[in-house]
Amino acid sequence: MNTELKNVVLSTDIKAQYDECVKKLLGHKIILAHILAKSVDEFRGMRPEEVVHLIEGEPLISKVPVGLGLTNKIVGVDEKGNEIVGLNTENSEVYAGYVRFDIIFYVRTKDGVSQIIINIEAQKTDPTDYDILNRAIFYISRMISSQKNREFKGSNYNDIKKVYSIWICMNMKEDSMNHIHLINDTIIGNQIWKGREDLVNIVMVGLAKEISAKEEKHELHRLLGTLLSETLKEEEKLDILKNEYHIPMKKSIKEDVKIMCNLSEGIEERGIIKGREEGRTELLKQQV
């Protein structure tokens, strides 16, 4: 294998590992709890330590396909012989190549009664080949439509669960957060239409390239910026997580932070090597 092709393969492999590591870091329950406490109305004002206990089961990371007819699976049969449908987490090799939700999970509201379905998506940059909000709308639509026969049967549309799709976009010009949701504009008359306008929610979180200052309004951005930084050293990240956010330094988090730092260094090294090779190639062209 020639050097150029080898470097492409290696850099692609590192990037894939990096992307998976980002999802794993964000998928820790305590990190998800911090995200929910700052971006989902039902949990605002709550401490992440309170929210974490409301997250049900283990978040599904890169396991549930987005595509039509792939999000659900039959998980069993009830006592009446009716099929029980759940999120599709089996036969992952069958769905190789399909787009999957980065992270998806259920969380109980603080009253312990209602459930909300949460999706977290991570983007290294704002895409240039499509508008990211359009993709978010597609994802949130799938989160609603896939509930049929899983969360509600037939025409029992009042059983639809509230959904949030939260997009974390790195390397933006500035920190930002937007909540995109349904708004009822009255055009004529005073008719009150029955139904919930809060079922569909998209939250776009933009992270500036530089890590945010230590301010209350930037708490979430500073946390996420620290976790996903390609420049902070492992010790610096762990220090901020432990002393500023009081996140328990479990072995799994420490390991994922270490892997992230190593992968970031690998990507940087590949970039330097590629730059040098391109420079040498350009120099040779000029000499010919």
Protein backbone atom coordinates (compact mmCIF):
# COMPACT_ATOMS: atom_id res chain seq x y z
CA MET A 1 0.00 0.00 0.00
CA ASN A 2 1.49 3.35 -1.00
CA THR A 3 2.13 5.95 1.70
CA GLU A 4 -0.62 8.33 0.58
CA LEU A 5 -3.31 5.62 0.53
CA LYS A 6 -2.08 4.24 3.85
CA ASN A 7 -2.39 7.67 5.48
CA VAL A 8 -5.92 8.07 4.12
CA VAL A 9 -6.94 4.69 5.56
CA LEU A 10 -5.32 5.47 8.91
CA SER A 11 -6.81 8.95 9.16
CA THR A 12 -10.26 7.62 8.22
CA ASP A 13 -9.97 4.96 10.90
CA ILE A 14 -8.92 7.53 13.50
CA LYS A 15 -11.81 9.80 12.51
CA ALA A 16 -14.31 6.93 12.87
CA GLN A 17 -12.90 6.08 16.28
CA TYR A 18 -13.02 9.77 17.24
CA ASP A 19 -16.68 10.06 16.22
CA GLU A 20 -17.59 6.99 18.28
CA CYS A 21 -15.62 8.32 21.26
CA VAL A 22 -17.55 11.61 21.11
CA LYS A 23 -20.82 9.68 21.31
CA LYS A 24 -19.55 7.54 24.20
CA LEU A 25 -18.46 10.61 26.18
CA LEU A 26 -21.79 12.36 25.63
CA GLY A 27 -23.62 9.11 26.41
CA HIS A 28 -22.53 8.95 30.05
CA LYS A 29 -25.68 9.47 32.12
CA ILE A 30 -24.23 12.31 34.21
CA ILE A 31 -23.25 14.19 31.02
CA LEU A 32 -26.71 13.63 29.56
CA ALA A 33 -28.19 14.90 32.84
CA HIS A 34 -26.20 18.15 32.51
CA ILE A 35 -27.47 18.55 28.93
CA LEU A 36 -31.09 17.95 29.96
CA ALA A 37 -30.90 20.33 32.93
CA LYS A 38 -29.83 23.17 30.64
CA SER A 39 -31.81 22.50 27.46
CA VAL A 40 -35.08 20.71 28.28
CA ASP A 41 -37.86 22.74 29.93
CA GLU A 42 -39.02 19.90 32.19
CA PHE A 43 -35.63 19.72 33.92
CA ARG A 44 -34.61 23.38 34.14
CA GLY A 45 -33.69 24.37 37.68
CA MET A 46 -32.94 20.78 38.65
CA ARG A 47 -29.48 19.60 39.63
CA PRO A 48 -27.92 17.11 37.19
CA GLU A 49 -27.54 14.71 40.13
CA GLU A 50 -31.35 14.70 40.38
CA VAL A 51 -31.93 14.35 36.64
CA VAL A 52 -29.55 11.41 36.22
CA HIS A 53 -31.89 9.13 38.19
CA LEU A 54 -34.74 9.90 35.79
CA ILE A 55 -32.89 8.52 32.76
CA GLU A 56 -34.25 5.06 32.07
CA GLY A 57 -31.99 2.13 31.28
CA GLU A 58 -28.81 2.61 29.29
CA PRO A 59 -28.76 5.19 26.47
CA LEU A 60 -28.58 3.51 23.05
CA ILE A 61 -25.47 4.71 21.21
CA SER A 62 -25.24 4.18 17.42
CA LYS A 63 -27.67 1.25 17.65
CA VAL A 64 -31.07 2.49 16.47
CA PRO A 65 -31.50 3.05 12.70
CA VAL A 66 -33.19 6.26 11.57
CA GLY A 67 -34.61 4.85 8.34
CA LEU A 68 -38.27 4.11 7.68
CA GLY A 69 -39.28 0.69 8.98
CA LEU A 70 -35.96 0.13 10.81
CA THR A 71 -36.37 2.11 14.04
CA ASN A 72 -38.65 -0.43 15.74
CA LYS A 73 -38.50 -4.16 16.34
CA ILE A 74 -40.85 -6.80 17.75
CA VAL A 75 -39.58 -7.68 21.22
CA GLY A 76 -42.22 -10.18 22.28
CA VAL A 77 -45.90 -10.98 22.65
CA ASP A 78 -48.18 -9.99 25.54
CA GLU A 79 -50.66 -12.24 27.36
CA LYS A 80 -53.36 -11.41 24.76
CA GLY A 81 -51.14 -12.40 21.86
CA ASN A 82 -50.45 -8.84 20.74
CA GLU A 83 -46.97 -7.99 19.50
CA ILE A 84 -44.82 -5.84 21.79
CA VAL A 85 -42.71 -3.33 19.87
CA GLY A 86 -39.52 -1.67 21.10
CA LEU A 87 -36.58 0.29 19.72
CA ASN A 88 -34.49 -1.72 17.27
CA THR A 89 -31.17 -2.73 18.86
CA GLU A 90 -30.64 -6.18 17.33
CA ASN A 91 -28.97 -7.47 14.18
CA SER A 92 -26.75 -4.42 13.87
CA GLU A 93 -24.71 -6.15 11.15
CA VAL A 94 -27.86 -6.41 9.02
CA TYR A 95 -28.22 -2.63 9.14
CA ALA A 96 -24.56 -1.85 8.45
CA GLY A 97 -24.32 1.31 6.39
CA TYR A 98 -27.65 2.68 7.57
CA VAL A 99 -27.82 6.06 9.31
CA ARG A 100 -28.38 5.66 13.05
CA PHE A 101 -29.34 7.98 15.87
CA ASP A 102 -26.13 8.95 17.71
CA ILE A 103 -27.79 8.62 21.12
CA ILE A 104 -31.42 7.94 21.97
CA PHE A 105 -33.06 7.20 25.31
CA TYR A 106 -36.16 7.61 27.49
CA VAL A 107 -36.31 9.90 30.50
CA ARG A 108 -39.05 10.28 33.12
CA THR A 109 -40.29 13.73 34.07
CA LYS A 110 -39.80 14.66 37.72
CA ASP A 111 -43.39 13.67 38.56
CA GLY A 112 -42.36 10.14 37.62
CA VAL A 113 -45.40 9.69 35.37
CA SER A 114 -44.64 10.98 31.87
CA GLN A 115 -41.84 9.88 29.55
CA ILE A 116 -39.91 11.96 27.05
CA ILE A 117 -37.82 10.52 24.21
CA ILE A 118 -34.46 12.25 23.82
CA ASN A 119 -32.08 12.13 20.88
CA ILE A 120 -28.57 13.65 21.03
CA GLU A 121 -26.59 14.25 17.84
CA ALA A 122 -22.98 15.48 17.63
CA GLN A 123 -21.56 17.32 14.62
CA LYS A 124 -17.88 18.22 14.21
CA THR A 125 -18.81 21.23 12.08
CA ASP A 126 -21.83 22.85 10.50
CA PRO A 127 -22.30 20.74 7.30
CA THR A 128 -21.83 22.43 3.94
CA ASP A 129 -23.62 19.89 1.72
CA TYR A 130 -27.01 20.29 3.44
CA ASP A 131 -28.72 22.58 5.98
CA ILE A 132 -28.38 20.99 9.40
CA LEU A 133 -31.81 22.16 10.59
CA ASN A 134 -33.42 20.23 7.72
CA ARG A 135 -31.71 17.06 8.93
CA ALA A 136 -32.84 17.75 12.51
CA ILE A 137 -36.44 18.11 11.28
CA PHE A 138 -36.16 14.74 9.51
CA TYR A 139 -34.85 13.09 12.68
CA ILE A 140 -37.53 14.59 14.92
CA SER A 141 -40.20 13.53 12.42
CA ARG A 142 -38.93 9.95 12.55
CA MET A 143 -38.99 10.08 16.35
CA ILE A 144 -42.69 10.93 16.17
CA SER A 145 -43.78 8.63 13.32
CA SER A 146 -41.88 5.60 14.66
CA GLN A 147 -43.97 5.72 17.85
CA LYS A 148 -46.96 4.21 16.04
CA ASN A 149 -47.43 0.62 17.24
CA ARG A 150 -44.67 1.19 19.79
CA GLU A 151 -45.99 3.99 22.02
CA PHE A 152 -49.55 4.11 20.68
CA LYS A 153 -51.90 1.85 18.74
CA GLY A 154 -54.33 2.67 15.96
CA SER A 155 -55.59 6.24 16.22
CA ASN A 156 -54.72 6.81 19.90
CA TYR A 157 -52.69 9.89 18.99
CA ASN A 158 -53.05 11.33 22.49
CA ASP A 159 -50.51 8.70 23.61
CA ILE A 160 -47.73 10.22 21.49
CA LYS A 161 -44.71 10.98 23.69
CA LYS A 162 -42.95 14.33 23.68
CA VAL A 163 -39.63 14.26 21.82
CA TYR A 164 -36.44 16.33 21.85
CA SER A 165 -33.66 16.16 19.27
CA ILE A 166 -30.61 18.01 20.64
CA TRP A 167 -27.83 18.81 18.17
CA ILE A 168 -24.36 19.71 19.45
CA CYS A 169 -22.35 21.45 16.73
CA MET A 170 -18.65 22.04 17.36
CA ASN A 171 -16.24 24.61 15.90
CA MET A 172 -18.83 27.36 15.52
CA LYS A 173 -18.09 31.11 15.55
CA GLU A 174 -19.73 31.60 18.94
CA ASP A 175 -21.64 29.79 21.68
CA SER A 176 -25.35 29.56 20.93
CA MET A 177 -28.53 27.70 21.80
CA ASN A 178 -31.84 27.73 19.97
CA HIS A 179 -35.12 25.98 20.80
CA ILE A 180 -37.13 25.29 17.64
CA HIS A 181 -40.73 24.19 18.22
CA LEU A 182 -44.33 24.57 17.07
CA ILE A 183 -46.02 27.98 17.35
CA ASN A 184 -49.77 28.50 16.92
CA ASP A 185 -50.47 31.71 14.99
CA THR A 186 -54.13 32.74 15.05
CA ILE A 187 -55.11 34.04 11.60
CA ILE A 188 -58.91 34.27 11.84
CA GLY A 189 -61.31 33.71 14.73
CA ASN A 190 -60.77 32.41 18.26
CA GLN A 191 -60.99 28.66 17.76
CA ILE A 192 -59.03 26.63 20.31
CA TRP A 193 -57.75 23.45 18.70
CA LYS A 194 -57.26 20.52 21.06
CA GLY A 195 -53.86 18.93 21.20
CA ARG A 196 -50.32 19.46 22.40
CA GLU A 197 -48.11 22.02 20.71
CA ASP A 198 -45.08 20.94 22.77
CA LEU A 199 -44.63 17.44 21.31
CA VAL A 200 -41.91 18.38 18.81
CA ASN A 201 -38.70 20.06 20.02
CA ILE A 202 -35.34 20.69 18.38
CA VAL A 203 -32.49 22.24 20.36
CA MET A 204 -29.43 23.45 18.46
CA VAL A 205 -26.33 23.93 20.63
CA GLY A 206 -23.40 25.70 18.97
CA LEU A 207 -19.96 25.39 20.59
CA ALA A 208 -17.36 28.04 19.85
CA LYS A 209 -13.86 26.87 18.90
CA GLU A 210 -12.50 28.39 22.10
CA ILE A 211 -13.75 26.93 25.38
CA SER A 212 -16.26 29.19 27.11
CA ALA A 213 -15.40 31.29 30.12
CA LYS A 214 -16.57 30.17 33.54
CA GLU A 215 -20.00 31.85 33.60
CA GLU A 216 -23.42 30.54 34.61
CA LYS A 217 -25.01 31.12 31.21
CA HIS A 218 -22.16 29.24 29.53
CA GLU A 219 -22.07 26.30 31.97
CA LEU A 220 -23.27 23.73 29.46
CA HIS A 221 -21.09 25.07 26.66
CA ARG A 222 -18.00 25.05 28.89
CA LEU A 223 -18.71 21.47 29.94
CA LEU A 224 -19.23 20.24 26.39
CA GLY A 225 -16.32 22.30 25.09
CA THR A 226 -14.07 20.74 27.72
CA LEU A 227 -15.21 17.20 26.93
CA LEU A 228 -14.83 17.57 23.17
CA SER A 229 -11.75 19.82 23.05
CA GLU A 230 -8.96 18.70 20.75
CA THR A 231 -6.38 20.88 22.51
CA LEU A 232 -6.92 20.41 26.25
CA LYS A 233 -4.77 17.78 27.89
CA GLU A 234 -6.27 14.83 29.74
CA GLU A 235 -5.37 16.26 33.18
CA GLU A 236 -6.93 19.64 32.32
CA LYS A 237 -10.17 18.04 31.22
CA LEU A 238 -10.47 15.84 34.29
CA ASP A 239 -9.70 18.78 36.57
CA ILE A 240 -12.53 20.88 35.10
CA LEU A 241 -15.00 17.97 35.15
CA LYS A 242 -14.19 17.14 38.76
CA ASN A 243 -13.74 20.56 40.37
CA GLU A 244 -16.16 22.72 38.38
CA TYR A 245 -18.93 20.25 37.58
CA HIS A 246 -18.43 17.78 40.45
CA ILE A 247 -18.67 14.85 38.07
CA PRO A 248 -17.60 11.61 39.77
CA MET A 249 -14.36 10.43 38.21
CA LYS A 250 -15.48 6.92 37.36
CA LYS A 251 -13.03 4.68 35.55
CA SER A 252 -15.18 4.64 32.40
CA ILE A 253 -15.21 8.45 32.09
CA LYS A 254 -11.46 8.69 32.72
CA GLU A 255 -10.80 6.07 30.05
CA ASP A 256 -13.04 7.77 27.48
CA VAL A 257 -11.40 11.17 28.15
CA LYS A 258 -7.97 9.58 27.69
CA ILE A 259 -9.01 7.91 24.43
CA MET A 260 -10.43 11.22 23.17
CA CYS A 261 -7.15 13.01 23.89
CA ASN A 262 -5.11 10.29 22.18
CA LEU A 263 -7.35 10.32 19.11
CA SER A 264 -7.18 14.13 18.93
CA GLU A 265 -3.39 13.92 18.95
CA GLY A 266 -3.55 11.25 16.24
CA ILE A 267 -5.75 13.40 14.02
CA GLU A 268 -3.43 16.37 14.54
CA GLU A 269 -0.36 14.28 13.68
CA ARG A 270 -2.03 12.95 10.52
CA GLY A 271 -2.87 16.52 9.54
CA ILE A 272 0.74 17.61 10.01
CA ILE A 273 2.04 14.65 7.99
CA LYS A 274 -0.48 15.29 5.21
CA GLY A 275 0.46 18.97 5.12
CA ARG A 276 4.14 18.13 4.83
CA GLU A 277 3.52 15.63 2.03
CA GLU A 278 1.36 18.10 0.11
CA GLY A 279 4.09 20.70 0.55
CA ARG A 280 6.74 18.33 -0.81
CA THR A 281 4.51 17.37 -3.76
CA GLU A 282 3.93 21.04 -4.61
CA LEU A 283 7.66 21.75 -4.37
CA LEU A 284 8.46 18.87 -6.74
CA LYS A 285 5.88 20.16 -9.24
CA GLN A 286 7.55 23.59 -9.18
CA GLN A 287 10.96 22.02 -9.81
CA VAL A 288 9.78 20.05 -12.84
